[in-house]
Amino acid sequence: MTLFSWGNPRYFPQLPKPSRRYFDVARATRVVADCHWQAEPWTHATLIALHGLNGSSDAHYMKGLAAKAFARGMNVVRLNQRNCGDTEHLSEGLFHSGLTADAAHIVDELTRVDGLPAIGVAGYSLGGNLALKLAGEYGAHAPKGFIGVAAVSPIIEISECTRALERPGNGIYQWNFVRDLKRRMRRKDQRHPGMFDLSRLDAIKTVREFDETYTAPYFGFRNAEDYYHRASAMRVIDRVQVPALVITAEDDPFVPSEPFRTAAVTGNPHLDLRISAHGGHCGFVGPSSARDDGYWAENQIVRFLDRFRRP
């Protein structure tokens, strides 16, 4: 299902053309989102969608989720994380898997400035970790109107996911991630010449090596393991106090299911945990029909958040 969902073309004729919105989330740092607004946005709930590592607002699951949420009457904000979606020119710095500040800024701006009454966040893989970590960091003090989060195949314990990615059978996934990370750094150097030392880039073969060389030192972590530990949603998942849907699969090639069975997860009454036997990584594809394209997780997210919207 992982490979099928990555390589299967998808089309969304019912999803209207988006408008672009820029958010100034930090000094010298902008992110851009592709937004789908209902006719009167302030009377509808809003879904902020977060993509995975090396993804963008154009990822098929981002558009698939947007199409389903928009059809159900929600506004949708498909966010590009820092430097993703060809936005290296908008930010001086890098991004990491636990950087929730950008999503928190956008939730605040849409709530305080735009006056939107109900906001949910849904993420895939890295984006799922961000969604759950954001909710955990909010704890009992989530913004008014923050209705909940959803996470599909979230990398809630990044170190274990990285080790799983290093297994011999996962070479194709490792190669793909590293290739895209290198491309991003080279594009970054074109936009901000000399800001990062690329002399070691060609020798990097794994995500861990990339994080050890670039991500961890840039953000002040001691090393990659320190970064993985501190950036993982597992550190705060017991503090989540908003409705949270978590979907993962036993056969995910690089997100082990064991962390989802720890007391911090299973003991939190706010978490709706669904571990399926099959689904792969961000796949969860079933039979399609004239009314349903078969992407089960996208339907579950929209139905889940729809239960809690208040407008």
Protein backbone atom coordinates (compact mmCIF):
# COMPACT_ATOMS: atom_id res chain seq x y z
CA MET A 1 0.00 0.00 0.00
CA THR A 2 2.92 2.34 0.65
CA LEU A 3 4.26 2.01 -2.88
CA PHE A 4 0.81 1.99 -4.45
CA SER A 5 -0.21 5.21 -2.75
CA TRP A 6 3.10 6.86 -3.72
CA GLY A 7 2.85 5.91 -7.38
CA ASN A 8 -0.88 5.90 -8.10
CA PRO A 9 -2.00 9.06 -9.97
CA ARG A 10 -4.94 10.83 -8.37
CA TYR A 11 -7.21 13.56 -9.67
CA PHE A 12 -9.51 15.91 -7.78
CA PRO A 13 -11.86 17.63 -10.21
CA GLN A 14 -14.25 18.71 -7.45
CA LEU A 15 -11.56 20.53 -5.45
CA PRO A 16 -11.61 24.23 -6.38
CA LYS A 17 -8.46 26.07 -7.33
CA PRO A 18 -6.67 27.25 -4.17
CA SER A 19 -5.65 30.74 -3.18
CA ARG A 20 -2.14 31.23 -1.81
CA ARG A 21 -1.60 32.64 1.67
CA TYR A 22 1.71 33.61 3.22
CA PHE A 23 2.39 33.50 6.95
CA ASP A 24 5.32 35.30 8.57
CA VAL A 25 6.06 32.74 11.27
CA ALA A 26 9.45 34.01 12.47
CA ARG A 27 12.19 36.49 11.59
CA ALA A 28 13.20 36.08 7.94
CA THR A 29 10.87 33.10 7.76
CA ARG A 30 7.70 32.79 5.71
CA VAL A 31 5.64 29.74 4.89
CA VAL A 32 2.97 29.47 2.24
CA ALA A 33 -0.28 27.54 2.17
CA ASP A 34 -2.69 26.60 -0.58
CA CYS A 35 -6.11 27.47 0.81
CA HIS A 36 -9.63 26.46 -0.12
CA TRP A 37 -12.19 28.80 1.42
CA GLN A 38 -15.91 28.25 1.65
CA ALA A 39 -18.17 31.13 0.53
CA GLU A 40 -18.31 32.52 4.09
CA PRO A 41 -15.15 31.15 5.71
CA TRP A 42 -15.89 32.58 9.15
CA THR A 43 -18.97 30.36 9.43
CA HIS A 44 -17.13 27.11 8.73
CA ALA A 45 -14.62 24.91 10.50
CA THR A 46 -11.08 24.93 9.10
CA LEU A 47 -8.69 22.02 8.58
CA ILE A 48 -4.94 22.69 8.52
CA ALA A 49 -3.19 19.84 6.69
CA LEU A 50 0.48 18.98 7.34
CA HIS A 51 2.53 16.87 4.94
CA GLY A 52 5.34 14.43 5.62
CA LEU A 53 9.11 14.61 5.14
CA ASN A 54 10.01 16.09 1.74
CA GLY A 55 6.32 16.44 0.91
CA SER A 56 4.40 19.56 0.02
CA SER A 57 0.91 20.95 -0.28
CA ASP A 58 0.68 19.11 -3.59
CA ALA A 59 1.12 15.63 -2.08
CA HIS A 60 -1.70 13.37 -3.20
CA TYR A 61 -2.92 12.77 0.37
CA MET A 62 -2.98 16.53 1.01
CA LYS A 63 -5.24 17.07 -1.98
CA GLY A 64 -7.30 13.96 -1.25
CA LEU A 65 -7.89 15.08 2.32
CA ALA A 66 -8.67 18.62 1.13
CA ALA A 67 -11.22 17.39 -1.40
CA LYS A 68 -13.07 15.35 1.22
CA ALA A 69 -12.98 18.06 3.87
CA PHE A 70 -14.06 20.80 1.47
CA ALA A 71 -16.95 18.67 0.23
CA ARG A 72 -18.06 18.32 3.85
CA GLY A 73 -18.16 22.09 4.28
CA MET A 74 -14.75 22.83 5.79
CA ASN A 75 -12.17 25.41 4.83
CA VAL A 76 -8.84 23.74 4.09
CA VAL A 77 -5.32 25.13 4.51
CA ARG A 78 -2.70 22.92 2.83
CA LEU A 79 0.50 24.11 4.44
CA ASN A 80 4.00 23.84 2.99
CA GLN A 81 6.48 23.39 5.83
CA ARG A 82 9.58 25.58 5.73
CA ASN A 83 11.54 25.07 2.48
CA CYS A 84 9.02 22.58 1.09
CA GLY A 85 7.13 22.96 -2.15
CA ASP A 86 9.96 25.00 -3.74
CA THR A 87 9.87 27.63 -1.00
CA GLU A 88 13.55 27.62 -0.04
CA HIS A 89 13.70 31.33 -0.86
CA LEU A 90 11.13 32.20 1.82
CA SER A 91 13.18 31.07 4.84
CA GLU A 92 16.79 31.55 5.80
CA GLY A 93 16.93 28.47 8.00
CA LEU A 94 15.99 24.81 8.04
CA PHE A 95 13.09 22.79 9.41
CA HIS A 96 12.89 19.84 11.78
CA SER A 97 10.39 17.13 12.61
CA GLY A 98 9.26 18.65 15.90
CA LEU A 99 9.06 22.32 14.94
CA THR A 100 5.47 23.05 15.95
CA ALA A 101 5.91 26.83 16.19
CA ASP A 102 4.82 27.41 12.59
CA ALA A 103 1.58 25.47 12.93
CA ALA A 104 0.89 27.19 16.26
CA HIS A 105 1.42 30.59 14.62
CA ILE A 106 -1.03 29.73 11.86
CA VAL A 107 -3.65 28.47 14.31
CA ASP A 108 -3.28 31.74 16.25
CA GLU A 109 -3.45 33.95 13.15
CA LEU A 110 -6.48 32.22 11.69
CA THR A 111 -8.23 32.37 15.05
CA ARG A 112 -7.26 35.85 16.21
CA VAL A 113 -6.93 37.76 12.94
CA ASP A 114 -9.36 35.94 10.65
CA GLY A 115 -11.85 35.14 13.36
CA LEU A 116 -12.31 31.54 12.26
CA PRO A 117 -14.38 29.75 14.88
CA ALA A 118 -13.11 26.16 14.78
CA ILE A 119 -9.75 24.77 13.68
CA GLY A 120 -8.43 21.23 13.47
CA VAL A 121 -5.01 19.98 12.40
CA ALA A 122 -4.30 16.77 10.52
CA GLY A 123 -0.90 15.44 9.53
CA TYR A 124 0.74 12.54 7.78
CA SER A 125 4.00 10.94 8.92
CA LEU A 126 6.23 13.84 10.03
CA GLY A 127 3.12 16.04 9.88
CA GLY A 128 1.33 13.58 12.15
CA ASN A 129 4.10 13.90 14.70
CA LEU A 130 3.76 17.68 14.50
CA ALA A 131 -0.03 17.55 14.97
CA LEU A 132 0.20 15.36 18.08
CA LYS A 133 3.17 17.27 19.51
CA LEU A 134 1.31 20.55 19.01
CA ALA A 135 -1.71 19.22 20.89
CA GLY A 136 0.54 17.91 23.67
CA GLU A 137 2.32 21.23 23.99
CA TYR A 138 -1.03 23.01 24.21
CA GLY A 139 -2.09 20.60 26.93
CA ALA A 140 -4.98 22.06 28.90
CA HIS A 141 -4.44 25.48 27.32
CA ALA A 142 -5.38 24.90 23.69
CA PRO A 143 -6.72 27.99 21.93
CA LYS A 144 -10.45 28.53 22.00
CA GLY A 145 -11.94 26.82 18.98
CA PHE A 146 -9.12 24.31 18.58
CA ILE A 147 -11.27 21.24 18.01
CA GLY A 148 -8.73 18.45 17.69
CA VAL A 149 -6.00 16.74 15.71
CA ALA A 150 -5.57 13.68 13.53
CA ALA A 151 -2.39 11.81 12.64
CA VAL A 152 -1.78 9.13 10.01
CA SER A 153 1.37 6.99 10.29
CA PRO A 154 2.88 9.55 12.69
CA ILE A 155 6.58 9.22 13.54
CA ILE A 156 5.90 9.72 17.24
CA GLU A 157 9.21 8.11 18.28
CA ILE A 158 11.59 9.38 15.63
CA SER A 159 14.65 7.40 16.74
CA GLU A 160 12.84 4.08 16.35
CA CYS A 161 11.50 5.13 12.96
CA THR A 162 14.98 6.11 11.81
CA ARG A 163 16.38 2.74 12.92
CA ALA A 164 13.57 0.96 11.09
CA LEU A 165 14.31 3.00 7.98
CA GLU A 166 17.90 1.72 8.13
CA ARG A 167 16.85 -1.92 7.75
CA PRO A 168 18.14 -3.46 4.48
CA GLY A 169 14.65 -3.96 3.10
CA ASN A 170 13.93 -0.24 3.33
CA GLY A 171 16.71 0.88 1.03
CA ILE A 172 14.34 2.36 -1.55
CA TYR A 173 12.66 4.56 1.05
CA GLN A 174 15.98 5.66 2.58
CA TRP A 175 17.39 6.49 -0.86
CA ASN A 176 14.31 8.51 -1.79
CA PHE A 177 14.32 10.56 1.42
CA VAL A 178 18.06 11.27 1.25
CA ARG A 179 17.91 12.19 -2.42
CA ASP A 180 15.21 14.79 -1.74
CA LEU A 181 16.97 16.15 1.35
CA LYS A 182 20.12 16.68 -0.70
CA ARG A 183 18.21 18.39 -3.47
CA ARG A 184 16.67 20.75 -0.94
CA MET A 185 20.04 21.68 0.52
CA ARG A 186 21.42 22.41 -2.94
CA ARG A 187 18.42 24.60 -3.75
CA LYS A 188 18.90 26.26 -0.37
CA ASP A 189 22.50 27.04 -1.26
CA GLN A 190 21.41 28.62 -4.53
CA ARG A 191 19.05 30.94 -2.64
CA HIS A 192 21.37 31.59 0.32
CA PRO A 193 24.93 31.00 -0.93
CA GLY A 194 27.45 29.99 1.70
CA MET A 195 24.98 29.75 4.59
CA PHE A 196 25.47 25.99 4.86
CA ASP A 197 28.62 23.97 4.29
CA LEU A 198 27.81 21.49 1.53
CA SER A 199 31.25 19.86 1.44
CA ARG A 200 29.94 16.78 3.29
CA LEU A 201 26.63 16.54 1.47
CA ASP A 202 27.65 14.10 -1.27
CA ALA A 203 28.94 11.56 1.27
CA ILE A 204 25.63 11.37 3.16
CA LYS A 205 23.79 8.09 2.58
CA THR A 206 21.16 8.00 5.35
CA VAL A 207 18.62 10.30 6.97
CA ARG A 208 20.49 9.90 10.26
CA GLU A 209 23.72 11.13 8.66
CA PHE A 210 21.88 14.12 7.22
CA ASP A 211 20.39 15.01 10.59
CA GLU A 212 23.75 14.52 12.32
CA THR A 213 25.42 16.84 9.81
CA TYR A 214 22.79 19.53 9.29
CA THR A 215 19.54 19.37 11.27
CA ALA A 216 20.86 18.71 14.78
CA PRO A 217 23.70 21.27 14.84
CA TYR A 218 21.62 23.97 13.16
CA PHE A 219 18.94 23.78 15.86
CA GLY A 220 21.34 23.35 18.77
CA PHE A 221 20.73 19.67 19.50
CA ARG A 222 23.71 17.70 20.80
CA ASN A 223 23.43 15.14 18.01
CA ALA A 224 20.84 13.31 15.92
CA GLU A 225 19.68 11.13 18.81
CA ASP A 226 19.13 14.17 21.02
CA TYR A 227 17.14 15.76 18.22
CA TYR A 228 15.04 12.64 17.67
CA HIS A 229 14.26 12.33 21.37
CA ARG A 230 13.28 15.94 21.92
CA ALA A 231 11.36 16.36 18.65
CA SER A 232 9.17 13.29 19.12
CA ALA A 233 5.52 13.64 20.09
CA MET A 234 5.99 10.81 22.59
CA ARG A 235 7.53 13.29 25.02
CA VAL A 236 4.20 15.13 25.37
CA ILE A 237 1.54 12.77 24.06
CA ASP A 238 0.26 12.06 27.56
CA ARG A 239 -0.61 15.79 27.85
CA VAL A 240 -2.97 15.83 24.84
CA GLN A 241 -6.37 17.06 26.05
CA VAL A 242 -8.21 17.60 22.78
CA PRO A 243 -9.80 14.86 20.67
CA ALA A 244 -7.01 13.13 18.74
CA LEU A 245 -7.31 10.45 16.08
CA VAL A 246 -4.23 8.28 15.53
CA ILE A 247 -4.10 5.84 12.60
CA THR A 248 -1.15 3.51 12.01
CA ALA A 249 -0.50 0.08 10.55
CA GLU A 250 1.28 -3.05 11.71
CA ASP A 251 2.87 -3.41 8.28
CA ASP A 252 4.23 0.14 8.10
CA PRO A 253 7.77 -0.38 6.78
CA PHE A 254 9.43 2.25 8.98
CA VAL A 255 6.97 3.32 11.71
CA PRO A 256 6.97 0.52 14.31
CA SER A 257 3.69 -0.07 16.10
CA GLU A 258 5.23 -0.75 19.53
CA PRO A 259 5.37 2.91 20.69
CA PHE A 260 1.64 3.23 20.11
CA ARG A 261 1.04 0.52 22.71
CA THR A 262 2.83 2.31 25.54
CA ALA A 263 0.86 3.59 28.52
CA ALA A 264 1.39 7.20 27.48
CA VAL A 265 -0.70 6.52 24.38
CA THR A 266 -3.17 3.85 25.45
CA GLY A 267 -3.76 5.52 28.81
CA ASN A 268 -4.78 8.88 27.35
CA PRO A 269 -8.59 8.95 27.08
CA HIS A 270 -8.47 11.74 24.50
CA LEU A 271 -6.73 9.53 21.93
CA ASP A 272 -8.74 7.47 19.48
CA LEU A 273 -6.08 4.91 18.50
CA ARG A 274 -6.62 2.71 15.45
CA ILE A 275 -3.90 0.19 14.62
CA SER A 276 -4.76 -1.75 11.50
CA ALA A 277 -3.10 -4.93 10.29
CA HIS A 278 -2.52 -3.41 6.86
CA GLY A 279 -2.16 0.07 5.46
CA GLY A 280 1.55 0.53 4.96
CA HIS A 281 2.97 4.00 5.46
CA CYS A 282 0.32 6.64 4.72
CA GLY A 283 -1.45 4.20 2.40
CA PHE A 284 -4.68 2.73 3.79
CA VAL A 285 -6.16 2.13 0.38
CA GLY A 286 -9.25 -0.04 -0.05
CA PRO A 287 -11.77 -0.80 -2.76
CA SER A 288 -13.01 2.25 -4.63
CA SER A 289 -16.45 3.02 -5.96
CA ALA A 290 -18.29 5.80 -7.76
CA ARG A 291 -18.77 7.57 -4.40
CA ASP A 292 -15.56 6.62 -2.60
CA ASP A 293 -12.00 6.58 -3.95
CA GLY A 294 -10.95 4.04 -1.33
CA TYR A 295 -8.54 6.20 0.66
CA TRP A 296 -9.82 5.12 4.04
CA ALA A 297 -7.67 7.27 6.34
CA GLU A 298 -8.70 10.50 4.61
CA ASN A 299 -12.35 9.65 5.19
CA GLN A 300 -11.69 8.80 8.83
CA ILE A 301 -9.98 12.14 9.45
CA VAL A 302 -12.82 14.18 8.00
CA ARG A 303 -15.50 12.21 9.81
CA PHE A 304 -13.58 12.44 13.10
CA LEU A 305 -13.04 16.21 13.02
CA ASP A 306 -16.55 16.79 11.71
CA ARG A 307 -17.90 15.43 15.01
CA PHE A 308 -16.25 18.24 16.97
CA ARG A 309 -16.65 21.33 14.82
CA ARG A 310 -18.82 23.93 16.47
CA PRO A 311 -19.89 26.53 13.86
